[in-house]
Amino acid sequence: MSIFPAPQIRIPATYLRGGTSKGVFFRLDDLPAPAQQPGPARDALLLRVLGSPDPYGKQIDGMGNASSSTSKAVILSRSTRPGHDVDYLFGQVSIDQPFVDWSGNCGNLSAAVGPCAIHMGLIDAARIPQNGTFPVRIWQANIGKTIVAHVPITQGQVQETGDFELDGVTFAAAEVALEFMAPADDGDDGEAISTAPGRPNLLRAPSGGSEPHAVGSVGALFPTGNVVDTLEVPGVGSFAATLINSGIPTLFLNAQELGYTGTELQRAINGDAAALARFETIRAYGALRMGLIQHVSEAATRQHTPKIAFVAPPASYTASSGKAIDAKDIDLLVRALSMGQLHHAMMGTAAVAIGTAAAIPGTLVNLAAGGGVRSSVRFGHPSGTLRVGAEATQINGQWKVTKALMSRSARILMEGWVRVPGDIF
């Protein structure tokens, strides 16, 4: 046995911004052999890459930037599913705890998957046009859904620069339009991903083990069958709630019932430990009511899903950048929490849930926006505003959502290798 510590190993990786998030992207076949399969070795690798768990909460010794928006990892591979180009698996890496949550998608990083897949050579170069847009069909392995990313192409290369502005991102870039197909339908086979005969299923997030299957992804649009429920939270209170499964399982509350206006910025919530604890308790009981967990204690290891958000009618406020948001320019206000903290802007998957809920009369989101049937809404969040659309129809008394639409941008920040100690497995 060597008396010397194991040297570092290096792994090809690309660091990208997608929407208002950042993450480390890997090709599946570039990962060390132990991490090419779901399980503890893969989790250990991603934790070390991001710099977790870190009791200081800073991720100084890794690629993470100490927020839920920047403690993310993505694994891509050529798709084996008919009609798809790339398989996309997302891991939300805890900052201070030793676990990776595989229970949902990241809508923001979804915008970076298409550009990164082209950059990594996962799509045949002969298929890429010289100019125009290329629709990358993505199989989202965590939740078993299809996403179509319309990637701009200039002179045969991904166009990353442009004039598309996204509140929450300082600089403009090229627009990537996203279609989240059937975001609320049941999975066709209950699986997160299918594989070709004889090929091991390397991306799938299985039920049980360290990567729990996203139970909510195969549930109904409204898991309880109601557009509004009364959510009883022992020791906290009773709240009107819309529990919806579209894009990502989300529970929406009324800001007023929580003592808020809906214009709050991060410092108003994240500096209040009692408020954060109350939100987490409500979220846990919401997860239980949605059938995502069997006991409230399980919510502690399922931080990524469900999301919790609160809504209010339009009101003027000043965004975190200092930008003035006028009530007349928005349809409603939404504030959402991710991984136990108020998000600085809005999670992409939660935006899908907002768009879906807004399109269905009677939900809390729809009522905050003024009620009625609508195909899109512009909502105010801490960093500014965002428009999201959804196509919803009622069939035999049941609401069906065919797609949700929104635009994001993406950009490669760095490419090369990440290094981690060789003894992590």
Protein backbone atom coordinates (compact mmCIF):
# COMPACT_ATOMS: atom_id res chain seq x y z
CA MET A 1 0.00 0.00 0.00
CA SER A 2 1.34 3.39 -0.99
CA ILE A 3 2.09 5.87 1.76
CA PHE A 4 1.35 8.73 -0.63
CA PRO A 5 -2.12 10.21 -1.16
CA ALA A 6 -3.79 9.32 -4.45
CA PRO A 7 -3.07 11.86 -7.20
CA GLN A 8 -5.84 13.84 -8.82
CA ILE A 9 -7.64 12.53 -11.86
CA ARG A 10 -8.96 14.75 -14.62
CA ILE A 11 -12.28 14.40 -16.40
CA PRO A 12 -13.40 16.22 -19.57
CA ALA A 13 -16.12 18.71 -18.70
CA THR A 14 -17.82 21.87 -19.94
CA TYR A 15 -19.04 24.64 -17.65
CA LEU A 16 -22.14 26.39 -18.98
CA ARG A 17 -24.69 28.97 -18.06
CA GLY A 18 -28.22 28.05 -18.98
CA GLY A 19 -30.92 30.61 -18.22
CA THR A 20 -30.30 31.88 -14.69
CA SER A 21 -28.34 28.78 -13.63
CA LYS A 22 -24.84 27.37 -14.12
CA GLY A 23 -23.69 23.77 -14.15
CA VAL A 24 -20.89 21.34 -14.95
CA PHE A 25 -21.73 19.20 -18.01
CA PHE A 26 -20.22 15.77 -18.73
CA ARG A 27 -20.44 13.24 -21.53
CA LEU A 28 -21.48 9.95 -20.00
CA ASP A 29 -18.65 8.01 -21.62
CA ASP A 30 -16.07 10.53 -20.36
CA LEU A 31 -16.87 9.73 -16.73
CA PRO A 32 -14.65 7.30 -14.80
CA ALA A 33 -16.02 3.75 -15.12
CA PRO A 34 -17.42 3.59 -11.55
CA ALA A 35 -19.44 6.79 -12.20
CA GLN A 36 -20.92 5.66 -15.51
CA GLN A 37 -23.57 3.79 -13.56
CA PRO A 38 -26.09 5.41 -11.19
CA GLY A 39 -25.13 4.99 -7.55
CA PRO A 40 -22.79 6.11 -4.76
CA ALA A 41 -19.70 6.42 -6.98
CA ARG A 42 -21.45 8.84 -9.34
CA ASP A 43 -22.83 10.84 -6.42
CA ALA A 44 -19.41 10.99 -4.75
CA LEU A 45 -17.81 12.27 -7.95
CA LEU A 46 -20.34 15.04 -8.52
CA LEU A 47 -20.24 16.10 -4.88
CA ARG A 48 -16.46 16.46 -5.05
CA VAL A 49 -16.57 18.30 -8.39
CA LEU A 50 -18.98 20.89 -7.00
CA GLY A 51 -17.21 21.12 -3.62
CA SER A 52 -19.80 19.48 -1.39
CA PRO A 53 -20.65 18.80 1.32
CA ASP A 54 -19.30 22.07 2.68
CA PRO A 55 -20.25 22.99 6.26
CA TYR A 56 -19.10 26.53 5.48
CA GLY A 57 -21.71 26.72 2.71
CA LYS A 58 -19.27 28.29 0.20
CA GLN A 59 -18.11 25.39 -2.04
CA ILE A 60 -14.68 27.02 -2.18
CA ASP A 61 -12.98 23.70 -3.03
CA GLY A 62 -15.13 23.00 -6.07
CA MET A 63 -17.00 24.37 -9.07
CA GLY A 64 -20.16 25.29 -7.17
CA ASN A 65 -20.95 28.88 -6.27
CA ALA A 66 -22.86 28.38 -3.01
CA SER A 67 -26.41 28.67 -4.34
CA SER A 68 -29.01 26.23 -5.62
CA SER A 69 -28.71 27.92 -9.04
CA THR A 70 -25.02 27.07 -9.34
CA SER A 71 -24.67 23.70 -7.57
CA LYS A 72 -25.74 21.59 -10.52
CA ALA A 73 -24.39 18.80 -12.69
CA VAL A 74 -25.54 17.38 -16.04
CA ILE A 75 -24.72 14.10 -17.79
CA LEU A 76 -25.38 13.81 -21.54
CA SER A 77 -25.23 10.95 -24.03
CA ARG A 78 -26.49 10.12 -27.50
CA SER A 79 -30.10 9.10 -27.17
CA THR A 80 -31.19 5.52 -27.67
CA ARG A 81 -34.83 6.59 -27.62
CA PRO A 82 -36.52 6.85 -31.03
CA GLY A 83 -37.09 10.40 -32.23
CA HIS A 84 -34.60 11.94 -29.77
CA ASP A 85 -31.08 13.28 -30.15
CA VAL A 86 -29.68 13.37 -26.63
CA ASP A 87 -30.42 11.90 -23.21
CA TYR A 88 -30.14 14.46 -20.41
CA LEU A 89 -29.80 13.61 -16.73
CA PHE A 90 -29.74 16.39 -14.13
CA GLY A 91 -28.33 16.25 -10.61
CA GLN A 92 -29.06 18.94 -8.01
CA VAL A 93 -26.03 18.80 -5.73
CA SER A 94 -26.63 19.70 -2.11
CA ILE A 95 -24.30 22.38 -0.82
CA ASP A 96 -23.92 21.37 2.81
CA GLN A 97 -25.19 17.77 2.81
CA PRO A 98 -23.66 14.66 1.18
CA PHE A 99 -26.36 13.89 -1.38
CA VAL A 100 -27.38 14.52 -4.97
CA ASP A 101 -31.09 14.93 -5.68
CA TRP A 102 -32.11 13.23 -8.94
CA SER A 103 -35.87 13.69 -8.52
CA GLY A 104 -36.49 16.44 -11.09
CA ASN A 105 -35.31 18.53 -13.99
CA CYS A 106 -33.64 21.94 -14.23
CA GLY A 107 -35.55 24.07 -16.72
CA ASN A 108 -32.86 26.71 -16.91
CA LEU A 109 -30.07 24.27 -17.75
CA SER A 110 -32.42 22.65 -20.28
CA ALA A 111 -31.57 25.65 -22.48
CA ALA A 112 -27.89 24.67 -22.39
CA VAL A 113 -28.40 20.99 -23.23
CA GLY A 114 -28.94 21.47 -26.97
CA PRO A 115 -25.96 23.79 -27.48
CA CYS A 116 -23.74 21.57 -25.32
CA ALA A 117 -24.81 18.39 -27.14
CA ILE A 118 -23.76 19.98 -30.44
CA HIS A 119 -20.50 21.22 -28.90
CA MET A 120 -19.73 17.74 -27.51
CA GLY A 121 -20.32 16.05 -30.86
CA LEU A 122 -23.35 14.12 -29.68
CA ILE A 123 -25.25 15.19 -32.80
CA ASP A 124 -23.86 14.36 -36.24
CA ALA A 125 -22.28 17.47 -37.76
CA ALA A 126 -23.87 16.70 -41.14
CA ARG A 127 -27.29 17.39 -39.65
CA ILE A 128 -26.43 20.89 -38.45
CA PRO A 129 -27.50 23.63 -40.90
CA GLN A 130 -25.12 26.35 -42.04
CA ASN A 131 -27.48 29.03 -40.75
CA GLY A 132 -30.85 29.11 -39.04
CA THR A 133 -32.08 27.11 -36.05
CA PHE A 134 -31.72 23.42 -35.26
CA PRO A 135 -34.36 21.67 -33.13
CA VAL A 136 -32.57 19.41 -30.66
CA ARG A 137 -34.96 16.77 -29.32
CA ILE A 138 -34.00 16.05 -25.72
CA TRP A 139 -35.11 13.12 -23.59
CA GLN A 140 -35.17 14.37 -20.00
CA ALA A 141 -34.21 11.21 -18.15
CA ASN A 142 -35.12 12.30 -14.61
CA ILE A 143 -38.81 12.79 -15.39
CA GLY A 144 -39.26 10.92 -18.68
CA LYS A 145 -40.25 13.93 -20.79
CA THR A 146 -39.39 15.41 -24.18
CA ILE A 147 -37.95 18.92 -24.51
CA VAL A 148 -37.30 20.56 -27.86
CA ALA A 149 -34.58 23.22 -27.82
CA HIS A 150 -34.43 25.47 -30.89
CA VAL A 151 -30.72 26.25 -31.06
CA PRO A 152 -29.58 29.19 -33.23
CA ILE A 153 -26.84 28.30 -35.73
CA THR A 154 -24.50 30.69 -37.57
CA GLN A 155 -21.93 29.45 -40.09
CA GLY A 156 -22.42 25.90 -38.91
CA GLN A 157 -21.70 26.73 -35.25
CA VAL A 158 -23.92 27.33 -32.24
CA GLN A 159 -24.67 31.05 -32.01
CA GLU A 160 -24.11 32.04 -28.37
CA THR A 161 -23.92 35.82 -28.56
CA GLY A 162 -26.91 38.01 -29.32
CA ASP A 163 -29.31 40.63 -28.04
CA PHE A 164 -31.79 38.47 -26.12
CA GLU A 165 -32.11 39.82 -22.58
CA LEU A 166 -33.17 37.67 -19.65
CA ASP A 167 -33.86 39.24 -16.27
CA GLY A 168 -31.52 37.66 -13.74
CA VAL A 169 -28.65 37.46 -16.27
CA THR A 170 -26.41 40.50 -16.63
CA PHE A 171 -25.43 40.18 -20.27
CA ALA A 172 -27.49 39.60 -23.41
CA ALA A 173 -26.99 36.44 -25.48
CA ALA A 174 -28.66 34.42 -28.24
CA GLU A 175 -32.21 33.23 -27.63
CA VAL A 176 -32.93 29.52 -27.21
CA ALA A 177 -36.66 28.81 -27.47
CA LEU A 178 -37.81 25.79 -25.45
CA GLU A 179 -40.84 23.58 -25.85
CA PHE A 180 -41.65 21.36 -22.88
CA MET A 181 -43.81 18.69 -24.52
CA ALA A 182 -46.77 17.24 -22.58
CA PRO A 183 -45.23 18.51 -19.32
CA ALA A 184 -48.05 17.14 -17.17
CA ASP A 185 -48.91 13.83 -18.86
CA ASP A 186 -48.31 10.46 -17.29
CA GLY A 187 -45.18 8.68 -18.46
CA ASP A 188 -45.83 6.20 -21.23
CA ASP A 189 -44.20 3.32 -19.47
CA GLY A 190 -43.36 4.62 -16.00
CA GLU A 191 -39.68 4.57 -16.87
CA ALA A 192 -37.35 7.54 -16.86
CA ILE A 193 -35.57 6.30 -19.96
CA SER A 194 -35.62 3.39 -22.38
CA THR A 195 -32.60 1.58 -23.73
CA ALA A 196 -31.72 -0.39 -26.79
CA PRO A 197 -31.75 -4.20 -26.40
CA GLY A 198 -28.67 -5.49 -24.67
CA ARG A 199 -27.39 -2.04 -23.73
CA PRO A 200 -27.15 -1.22 -20.02
CA ASN A 201 -29.33 1.66 -18.91
CA LEU A 202 -26.63 4.07 -17.82
CA LEU A 203 -28.56 7.30 -17.46
CA ARG A 204 -31.81 6.17 -15.93
CA ALA A 205 -32.61 7.37 -12.42
CA PRO A 206 -34.07 4.16 -10.93
CA SER A 207 -36.58 3.82 -8.14
CA GLY A 208 -34.82 3.18 -4.85
CA GLY A 209 -31.14 3.65 -4.13
CA SER A 210 -29.35 6.97 -4.32
CA GLU A 211 -31.32 8.25 -7.32
CA PRO A 212 -35.05 7.96 -6.52
CA HIS A 213 -37.49 7.82 -9.42
CA ALA A 214 -39.52 11.04 -9.68
CA VAL A 215 -42.87 9.76 -8.44
CA GLY A 216 -44.56 13.06 -9.20
CA SER A 217 -43.54 12.87 -12.85
CA VAL A 218 -45.93 9.99 -13.50
CA GLY A 219 -48.80 11.50 -11.48
CA ALA A 220 -51.82 13.45 -12.60
CA LEU A 221 -51.68 17.15 -13.48
CA PHE A 222 -53.48 17.80 -10.18
CA PRO A 223 -52.45 14.92 -7.89
CA THR A 224 -55.42 15.49 -5.56
CA GLY A 225 -57.89 15.99 -8.39
CA ASN A 226 -58.56 19.58 -7.28
CA VAL A 227 -57.34 22.91 -8.67
CA VAL A 228 -57.31 24.28 -5.10
CA ASP A 229 -56.95 22.31 -1.85
CA THR A 230 -56.84 23.18 1.79
CA LEU A 231 -53.42 22.08 3.00
CA GLU A 232 -53.31 21.32 6.71
CA VAL A 233 -49.84 21.77 8.19
CA PRO A 234 -49.65 20.70 11.86
CA GLY A 235 -48.19 23.39 14.06
CA VAL A 236 -48.20 25.93 11.23
CA GLY A 237 -51.75 26.39 9.93
CA SER A 238 -54.11 25.75 7.04
CA PHE A 239 -53.51 27.20 3.59
CA ALA A 240 -55.25 27.34 0.25
CA ALA A 241 -52.91 25.56 -2.15
CA THR A 242 -52.71 24.58 -5.79
CA LEU A 243 -50.75 21.34 -6.06
CA ILE A 244 -49.68 20.80 -9.64
CA ASN A 245 -47.36 18.48 -11.52
CA SER A 246 -46.20 20.23 -14.69
CA GLY A 247 -42.56 20.82 -15.48
CA ILE A 248 -41.82 20.00 -11.86
CA PRO A 249 -44.11 19.18 -8.93
CA THR A 250 -45.00 22.54 -7.37
CA LEU A 251 -47.25 23.82 -4.63
CA PHE A 252 -48.53 27.37 -4.95
CA LEU A 253 -49.78 29.41 -1.98
CA ASN A 254 -51.29 32.87 -1.65
CA ALA A 255 -48.74 35.45 -0.51
CA GLN A 256 -51.31 37.20 1.67
CA GLU A 257 -52.02 34.06 3.72
CA LEU A 258 -48.30 33.86 4.49
CA GLY A 259 -48.06 37.51 5.48
CA TYR A 260 -46.27 38.60 2.29
CA THR A 261 -47.07 40.95 -0.58
CA GLY A 262 -45.39 39.00 -3.39
CA THR A 263 -42.88 41.81 -4.00
CA GLU A 264 -40.25 40.38 -1.64
CA LEU A 265 -36.59 40.06 -2.65
CA GLN A 266 -34.15 37.43 -1.42
CA ARG A 267 -32.99 39.30 1.66
CA ALA A 268 -36.55 39.52 3.03
CA ILE A 269 -36.90 35.74 3.11
CA ASN A 270 -33.44 34.20 3.20
CA GLY A 271 -32.39 36.22 6.24
CA ASP A 272 -35.37 34.93 8.21
CA ALA A 273 -34.56 31.47 9.58
CA ALA A 274 -38.04 31.06 11.06
CA ALA A 275 -39.66 31.83 7.70
CA LEU A 276 -37.44 29.34 5.88
CA ALA A 277 -38.26 26.66 8.43
CA ARG A 278 -41.97 27.35 7.99
CA PHE A 279 -41.70 27.10 4.22
CA GLU A 280 -39.85 23.80 4.51
CA THR A 281 -42.49 22.37 6.83
CA ILE A 282 -45.26 23.44 4.43
CA ARG A 283 -43.30 21.97 1.52
CA ALA A 284 -42.90 18.65 3.32
CA TYR A 285 -46.63 18.34 3.96
CA GLY A 286 -47.32 19.40 0.39
CA ALA A 287 -45.01 16.63 -0.87
CA LEU A 288 -46.90 14.16 1.30
CA ARG A 289 -50.27 15.37 -0.02
CA MET A 290 -49.00 15.06 -3.60
CA GLY A 291 -47.90 11.47 -3.02
CA LEU A 292 -44.24 12.23 -3.64
CA ILE A 293 -43.16 10.90 -0.26
CA GLN A 294 -44.58 8.45 2.24
CA HIS A 295 -43.57 10.35 5.38
CA VAL A 296 -42.77 14.02 5.99
CA SER A 297 -39.27 13.11 7.17
CA GLU A 298 -38.40 12.00 3.63
CA ALA A 299 -38.64 15.61 2.40
CA ALA A 300 -35.24 16.33 3.98
CA THR A 301 -33.53 14.16 1.36
CA ARG A 302 -35.76 15.31 -1.49
CA GLN A 303 -34.94 19.00 -1.53
CA HIS A 304 -35.22 19.55 -5.29
CA THR A 305 -38.88 18.52 -5.52
CA PRO A 306 -41.51 19.66 -4.99
CA LYS A 307 -40.97 23.38 -5.33
CA ILE A 308 -42.91 25.83 -3.17
CA ALA A 309 -44.01 29.24 -4.41
CA PHE A 310 -46.38 32.05 -3.46
CA VAL A 311 -48.41 34.30 -5.73
CA ALA A 312 -50.12 37.68 -5.59
CA PRO A 313 -51.92 40.06 -7.97
CA PRO A 314 -49.79 42.61 -9.86
CA ALA A 315 -48.02 45.32 -7.86
CA SER A 316 -45.16 47.68 -8.63
CA TYR A 317 -41.77 46.98 -7.06
CA THR A 318 -38.05 47.42 -7.57
CA ALA A 319 -36.19 44.33 -8.74
CA SER A 320 -32.87 43.23 -7.25
CA SER A 321 -31.00 44.95 -10.11
CA GLY A 322 -32.68 48.27 -9.31
CA LYS A 323 -35.00 47.95 -12.32
CA ALA A 324 -38.48 49.35 -11.71
CA ILE A 325 -41.26 46.86 -12.42
CA ASP A 326 -44.64 48.48 -13.12
CA ALA A 327 -47.78 46.63 -12.09
CA LYS A 328 -49.38 47.35 -15.46
CA ASP A 329 -46.60 45.42 -17.25
CA ILE A 330 -47.18 42.11 -15.47
CA ASP A 331 -50.09 39.72 -14.91
CA LEU A 332 -49.12 38.54 -11.43
CA LEU A 333 -46.29 38.22 -8.92
CA VAL A 334 -44.56 34.94 -8.12
CA ARG A 335 -41.82 34.13 -5.63
CA ALA A 336 -40.38 30.60 -5.42
CA LEU A 337 -37.99 28.73 -3.17
CA SER A 338 -35.36 26.25 -4.32
CA MET A 339 -33.29 24.05 -2.03
CA GLY A 340 -34.54 25.92 1.02
CA GLN A 341 -33.83 29.47 -0.20
CA LEU A 342 -35.83 32.09 -2.09
CA HIS A 343 -34.65 31.91 -5.71
CA HIS A 344 -32.98 35.00 -7.14
CA ALA A 345 -35.15 34.83 -10.26
CA MET A 346 -37.31 31.85 -11.28
CA MET A 347 -36.51 28.20 -11.87
CA GLY A 348 -37.30 27.20 -15.44
CA THR A 349 -39.33 24.16 -14.46
CA ALA A 350 -41.32 26.24 -11.96
CA ALA A 351 -41.99 28.69 -14.80
CA VAL A 352 -43.55 25.78 -16.70
CA ALA A 353 -45.74 25.08 -13.67
CA ILE A 354 -46.69 28.77 -13.52
CA GLY A 355 -47.63 28.87 -17.19
CA THR A 356 -49.68 25.68 -16.91
CA ALA A 357 -51.49 26.75 -13.74
CA ALA A 358 -52.20 30.20 -15.19
CA ALA A 359 -53.87 28.59 -18.21
CA ILE A 360 -56.35 26.63 -16.08
CA PRO A 361 -59.24 28.59 -14.54
CA GLY A 362 -59.55 28.47 -10.77
CA THR A 363 -55.98 27.74 -9.73
CA LEU A 364 -54.36 30.19 -7.33
CA VAL A 365 -51.98 31.24 -10.11
CA ASN A 366 -54.86 31.82 -12.52
CA LEU A 367 -56.85 33.78 -9.94
CA ALA A 368 -53.84 35.98 -9.04
CA ALA A 369 -53.55 36.79 -12.75
CA GLY A 370 -57.20 37.86 -12.90
CA GLY A 371 -58.89 34.56 -13.75
CA GLY A 372 -60.26 33.30 -17.06
CA VAL A 373 -58.61 31.27 -19.79
CA ARG A 374 -55.22 32.53 -20.96
CA SER A 375 -52.46 31.12 -23.15
CA SER A 376 -49.57 33.05 -21.59
CA VAL A 377 -48.65 35.23 -18.63
CA ARG A 378 -45.89 37.65 -17.76
CA PHE A 379 -45.03 37.40 -14.09
CA GLY A 380 -42.80 39.43 -11.83
CA HIS A 381 -39.99 37.68 -9.92
CA PRO A 382 -37.15 39.05 -7.74
CA SER A 383 -34.89 39.82 -10.73
CA GLY A 384 -37.54 41.19 -13.09
CA THR A 385 -40.15 39.62 -15.35
CA LEU A 386 -40.62 36.52 -17.49
CA ARG A 387 -43.23 35.46 -20.03
CA VAL A 388 -44.26 31.81 -20.25
CA GLY A 389 -46.98 30.19 -22.31
CA ALA A 390 -48.92 26.94 -22.15
CA GLU A 391 -51.40 25.18 -24.38
CA ALA A 392 -54.13 23.65 -22.24
CA THR A 393 -57.43 22.05 -23.25
CA GLN A 394 -60.22 20.36 -21.35
CA ILE A 395 -61.09 16.86 -22.55
CA ASN A 396 -63.95 14.95 -20.91
CA GLY A 397 -63.75 17.25 -17.93
CA GLN A 398 -60.00 16.76 -17.48
CA TRP A 399 -57.36 19.35 -18.25
CA LYS A 400 -54.60 18.31 -20.65
CA VAL A 401 -51.48 20.37 -21.35
CA THR A 402 -49.88 19.72 -24.72
CA LYS A 403 -46.84 21.96 -24.32
CA ALA A 404 -45.34 24.83 -22.37
CA LEU A 405 -43.13 27.42 -24.02
CA MET A 406 -40.53 29.90 -22.91
CA SER A 407 -37.21 31.35 -24.02
CA ARG A 408 -33.86 31.26 -22.31
CA SER A 409 -30.25 31.76 -23.38
CA ALA A 410 -27.11 29.71 -22.86
CA ARG A 411 -23.36 30.16 -23.13
CA ILE A 412 -20.23 28.07 -22.64
CA LEU A 413 -18.18 29.66 -19.85
CA MET A 414 -15.25 27.23 -19.79
CA GLU A 415 -14.23 23.93 -21.33
CA GLY A 416 -11.48 21.47 -20.57
CA TRP A 417 -11.16 19.18 -17.55
CA VAL A 418 -12.17 19.17 -13.93
CA ARG A 419 -9.86 17.56 -11.41
CA VAL A 420 -10.76 15.58 -8.31
CA PRO A 421 -8.72 13.45 -5.88
CA GLY A 422 -8.39 9.92 -7.21
CA ASP A 423 -9.44 8.27 -3.97
CA ILE A 424 -13.04 9.48 -3.93
CA PHE A 425 -14.49 6.14 -5.08
